[in-house]
Amino acid sequence: MKRILRIAIKGSKGKLSSRLLSIIRSYSSKNSNYKGNLLITTFSPTLIKDNKINYLKELNYYKNLIIKMNQEDHIFYVSSQTVELTNITYYSKSKKDVEKLIMESGKSYTIVRPGMIIDEKENKYLLDTMNRASKSCISINEKVPKTSACTVGDIANLIDQISKDSKIYNNKIINLGLIKLKFYLLQEIVHRKKFRFGIITNFALRILGKINLRSKALSSGSAIADTANYGILSSIDKRFI
């Protein structure tokens, strides 16, 4: 009997995984060409609290998950474009090291590196600190844009594409969101304001970085992973084309 696609979202209590679950439930696996189990993995405690304890917790979680995978499993790991930006945070280090674990495991995989993720249903970022920044009248004087943006729906659509033709994306790394945006535009996507004061400079961020790790990551650091195999335009990108 022909096997049908089974999609499992691992660690479905987080914001991203719970939203993906609500979207994917509407998918039909009957017309899928994929035979087996598609494991969607979003577990990321370092995103909530950036420290060594959560870094080790994250690595151990994926080590155990990989050990339990069988030949019919294909892991879809949600990484981040931060690995191409900075080596400062435990968050970026964990993403890079989990990618390496998956790639060296010999298992079937697809790794997606999204930019800033927006929940289009509620029109807000999944990252609370970015939502608070979007409501602020203060912005950053950036000379060089650093990251892109995408929606939860963009990630769900990619999962759907893999379910229809897994060979194209098998053992590949994909950037989701290609157009790099300045911080001001990232703020404007979800919370438009008539005017913002661009008073925070990269110099000020470096000063803040002495007491705040994420501020330091915005202003300094270097890439710790190679660029992706593929790049896909997000629905946010299309607003700026």
Protein backbone atom coordinates (compact mmCIF):
# COMPACT_ATOMS: atom_id res chain seq x y z
CA MET A 1 0.00 0.00 0.00
CA LYS A 2 1.32 3.44 -0.92
CA ARG A 3 2.41 5.50 2.08
CA ILE A 4 1.00 8.99 2.39
CA LEU A 5 2.74 12.04 3.74
CA ARG A 6 2.64 12.53 7.48
CA ILE A 7 3.63 15.94 8.82
CA ALA A 8 4.69 16.18 12.46
CA ILE A 9 5.55 19.46 14.16
CA LYS A 10 8.04 18.82 16.94
CA GLY A 11 7.79 21.09 19.96
CA SER A 12 4.39 22.53 19.01
CA LYS A 13 4.05 24.82 22.06
CA GLY A 14 6.02 27.77 20.65
CA LYS A 15 4.55 30.67 18.69
CA LEU A 16 5.95 29.59 15.34
CA SER A 17 5.15 25.90 15.69
CA SER A 18 1.59 26.50 16.91
CA ARG A 19 0.88 28.88 14.00
CA LEU A 20 2.40 26.44 11.51
CA LEU A 21 0.28 23.66 12.97
CA SER A 22 -2.92 25.65 12.44
CA ILE A 23 -2.00 26.28 8.79
CA ILE A 24 -0.71 22.80 7.96
CA ARG A 25 -3.82 21.11 9.33
CA SER A 26 -5.62 22.44 6.25
CA TYR A 27 -3.21 20.65 3.89
CA SER A 28 -4.21 17.44 2.18
CA SER A 29 -1.54 14.74 1.99
CA LYS A 30 -3.47 12.61 -0.51
CA ASN A 31 -1.94 14.36 -3.53
CA SER A 32 1.56 14.41 -2.12
CA ASN A 33 4.45 12.71 -3.92
CA TYR A 34 6.34 12.47 -0.65
CA LYS A 35 6.29 9.09 1.05
CA GLY A 36 7.21 9.18 4.71
CA ASN A 37 7.34 11.55 7.65
CA LEU A 38 8.14 15.25 7.41
CA LEU A 39 9.39 16.45 10.80
CA ILE A 40 9.05 20.22 11.27
CA THR A 41 11.47 21.37 13.99
CA THR A 42 11.33 24.85 15.55
CA PHE A 43 12.57 24.26 19.11
CA SER A 44 14.75 27.22 20.11
CA PRO A 45 15.11 28.04 23.84
CA THR A 46 18.03 30.40 23.09
CA LEU A 47 15.54 32.71 21.34
CA ILE A 48 13.70 33.13 24.66
CA LYS A 49 16.81 33.43 26.83
CA ASP A 50 20.24 33.72 25.29
CA ASN A 51 22.55 31.76 27.58
CA LYS A 52 24.81 28.70 27.65
CA ILE A 53 22.27 26.54 29.52
CA ASN A 54 19.69 26.99 26.77
CA TYR A 55 22.37 26.57 24.11
CA LEU A 56 23.25 23.11 25.50
CA LYS A 57 19.56 22.26 25.94
CA GLU A 58 18.98 23.07 22.26
CA LEU A 59 21.89 20.95 21.04
CA ASN A 60 20.90 17.97 23.20
CA TYR A 61 17.30 18.18 21.97
CA TYR A 62 18.39 17.88 18.33
CA LYS A 63 20.99 15.21 19.05
CA ASN A 64 18.26 13.04 20.60
CA LEU A 65 15.82 13.83 17.78
CA ILE A 66 18.34 12.81 15.11
CA ILE A 67 19.14 9.53 16.91
CA LYS A 68 15.44 8.62 16.89
CA MET A 69 14.93 9.39 13.18
CA ASN A 70 14.40 6.50 10.79
CA GLN A 71 14.84 6.13 7.02
CA GLU A 72 11.35 7.43 6.26
CA ASP A 73 11.90 10.68 8.19
CA HIS A 74 12.84 13.99 6.58
CA ILE A 75 13.73 16.80 9.00
CA PHE A 76 12.71 20.37 8.13
CA TYR A 77 14.77 22.56 10.45
CA VAL A 78 13.89 26.22 10.95
CA SER A 79 17.25 27.94 11.38
CA SER A 80 17.89 31.67 10.93
CA GLN A 81 19.75 34.11 8.69
CA THR A 82 21.51 35.27 11.84
CA VAL A 83 24.19 32.62 11.13
CA GLU A 84 25.21 34.74 8.14
CA LEU A 85 25.33 37.92 10.22
CA THR A 86 26.87 37.44 13.65
CA ASN A 87 28.77 35.04 15.87
CA ILE A 88 28.00 36.99 19.04
CA THR A 89 24.88 35.35 20.50
CA TYR A 90 24.25 31.82 21.76
CA TYR A 91 21.19 31.94 19.49
CA SER A 92 23.32 32.24 16.36
CA LYS A 93 25.81 29.66 17.66
CA SER A 94 23.04 27.17 18.40
CA LYS A 95 21.54 27.57 14.92
CA LYS A 96 24.92 27.02 13.29
CA ASP A 97 25.77 23.98 15.43
CA VAL A 98 22.34 22.36 14.96
CA GLU A 99 22.69 22.86 11.19
CA LYS A 100 26.04 21.07 11.36
CA LEU A 101 24.55 18.21 13.41
CA ILE A 102 21.80 17.71 10.85
CA MET A 103 24.07 17.94 7.81
CA GLU A 104 26.57 15.43 9.26
CA SER A 105 23.90 13.01 10.48
CA GLY A 106 23.37 11.24 7.15
CA LYS A 107 19.61 11.86 7.51
CA SER A 108 17.33 13.42 4.90
CA TYR A 109 16.89 17.12 5.61
CA THR A 110 15.93 20.60 4.48
CA ILE A 111 17.21 23.61 6.40
CA VAL A 112 15.39 26.92 6.00
CA ARG A 113 16.93 30.21 7.14
CA PRO A 114 14.16 32.80 7.47
CA GLY A 115 14.72 36.46 8.14
CA MET A 116 12.56 38.21 10.76
CA ILE A 117 9.32 36.21 10.96
CA ILE A 118 5.93 37.93 10.92
CA ASP A 119 2.63 36.37 11.98
CA GLU A 120 0.51 37.80 9.19
CA LYS A 121 -2.72 36.79 10.94
CA GLU A 122 -2.01 39.17 13.84
CA ASN A 123 0.30 41.48 11.86
CA LYS A 124 3.13 41.31 14.34
CA TYR A 125 6.59 39.80 14.67
CA LEU A 126 7.05 36.53 16.52
CA LEU A 127 9.90 38.20 18.39
CA ASP A 128 8.46 40.36 21.19
CA THR A 129 11.45 42.70 21.30
CA MET A 130 10.94 43.50 17.61
CA ASN A 131 7.25 44.22 18.22
CA ARG A 132 8.13 46.68 20.97
CA ALA A 133 10.73 48.32 18.73
CA SER A 134 8.17 48.63 15.92
CA LYS A 135 5.87 50.69 18.16
CA SER A 136 8.67 53.06 19.13
CA CYS A 137 9.21 56.49 17.60
CA ILE A 138 12.95 55.84 17.84
CA SER A 139 14.86 54.03 15.12
CA ILE A 140 18.45 53.20 14.17
CA ASN A 141 20.59 55.20 11.74
CA GLU A 142 21.76 52.26 9.65
CA LYS A 143 24.01 52.61 6.63
CA VAL A 144 23.80 48.95 5.64
CA PRO A 145 20.60 46.85 5.79
CA LYS A 146 21.17 43.61 7.67
CA THR A 147 18.26 41.17 7.45
CA SER A 148 15.16 40.26 5.46
CA ALA A 149 11.63 39.41 6.59
CA CYS A 150 9.11 36.69 5.84
CA THR A 151 5.80 35.41 7.19
CA VAL A 152 4.70 32.21 8.89
CA GLY A 153 2.67 31.55 5.73
CA ASP A 154 5.86 31.70 3.64
CA ILE A 155 7.38 28.94 5.78
CA ALA A 156 4.18 26.89 5.54
CA ASN A 157 4.18 27.29 1.75
CA LEU A 158 7.75 26.00 1.59
CA ILE A 159 6.72 22.95 3.65
CA ASP A 160 3.89 22.40 1.18
CA GLN A 161 6.32 22.60 -1.77
CA ILE A 162 8.60 20.02 -0.15
CA SER A 163 5.64 17.69 0.38
CA LYS A 164 4.93 17.86 -3.37
CA ASP A 165 8.50 17.50 -4.62
CA SER A 166 11.00 16.66 -1.90
CA LYS A 167 13.90 15.87 -4.28
CA ILE A 168 14.44 19.52 -5.22
CA TYR A 169 14.96 20.55 -1.61
CA ASN A 170 16.55 17.39 -0.23
CA ASN A 171 19.76 18.08 1.73
CA LYS A 172 19.64 21.78 0.87
CA ILE A 173 19.82 25.04 2.83
CA ILE A 174 17.33 27.72 1.76
CA ASN A 175 17.21 31.41 2.60
CA LEU A 176 13.59 32.55 2.90
CA GLY A 177 13.54 36.30 2.33
CA LEU A 178 16.18 37.86 0.09
CA ILE A 179 15.80 41.62 0.25
CA LYS A 180 17.81 43.02 3.16
CA LEU A 181 15.94 45.80 4.96
CA LYS A 182 17.09 48.59 7.22
CA PHE A 183 15.75 48.59 10.78
CA TYR A 184 13.43 51.50 9.98
CA LEU A 185 11.67 49.50 7.25
CA LEU A 186 11.40 46.43 9.50
CA GLN A 187 9.61 48.63 12.02
CA GLU A 188 7.30 50.05 9.35
CA ILE A 189 6.15 46.65 8.05
CA VAL A 190 3.95 45.96 11.06
CA HIS A 191 3.54 49.38 12.67
CA ARG A 192 3.53 52.43 10.41
CA LYS A 193 4.31 55.82 11.93
CA LYS A 194 4.30 59.29 10.42
CA PHE A 195 7.74 59.98 11.79
CA ARG A 196 10.54 58.22 13.65
CA PHE A 197 13.66 59.72 15.19
CA GLY A 198 16.72 57.92 13.86
CA ILE A 199 18.85 58.80 16.85
CA ILE A 200 20.42 55.44 17.69
CA THR A 201 23.64 54.93 15.77
CA ASN A 202 25.85 51.88 15.40
CA PHE A 203 28.27 53.59 17.79
CA ALA A 204 25.49 53.82 20.41
CA LEU A 205 24.65 50.17 19.81
CA ARG A 206 28.26 49.22 20.49
CA ILE A 207 28.04 51.09 23.79
CA LEU A 208 24.77 49.32 24.65
CA GLY A 209 26.42 46.06 23.63
CA LYS A 210 28.59 46.19 26.73
CA ILE A 211 25.47 45.44 28.78
CA ASN A 212 23.09 43.95 26.19
CA LEU A 213 24.12 41.02 24.00
CA ARG A 214 21.49 41.53 21.31
CA SER A 215 22.53 45.17 20.86
CA LYS A 216 26.10 43.99 20.40
CA ALA A 217 24.95 41.45 17.82
CA LEU A 218 23.25 44.19 15.80
CA SER A 219 26.40 46.28 15.58
CA SER A 220 29.20 43.73 15.36
CA GLY A 221 30.13 40.13 14.77
CA SER A 222 30.77 38.07 11.65
CA ALA A 223 29.16 35.22 9.74
CA ILE A 224 29.67 31.75 11.19
CA ALA A 225 28.12 29.70 8.38
CA ASP A 226 28.34 29.50 4.62
CA THR A 227 25.64 31.04 2.46
CA ALA A 228 22.57 28.99 1.56
CA ASN A 229 22.20 26.77 -1.54
CA TYR A 230 18.98 28.49 -2.62
CA GLY A 231 17.13 31.74 -2.01
CA ILE A 232 13.37 32.22 -2.19
CA LEU A 233 11.53 35.55 -2.29
CA SER A 234 9.17 36.00 0.63
CA SER A 235 5.78 37.68 0.46
CA ILE A 236 7.41 40.64 2.26
CA ASP A 237 10.10 40.90 -0.44
CA LYS A 238 7.41 41.30 -3.09
CA ARG A 239 6.26 44.54 -1.44
CA PHE A 240 9.63 46.10 -2.21
CA ILE A 241 10.17 44.85 -5.78
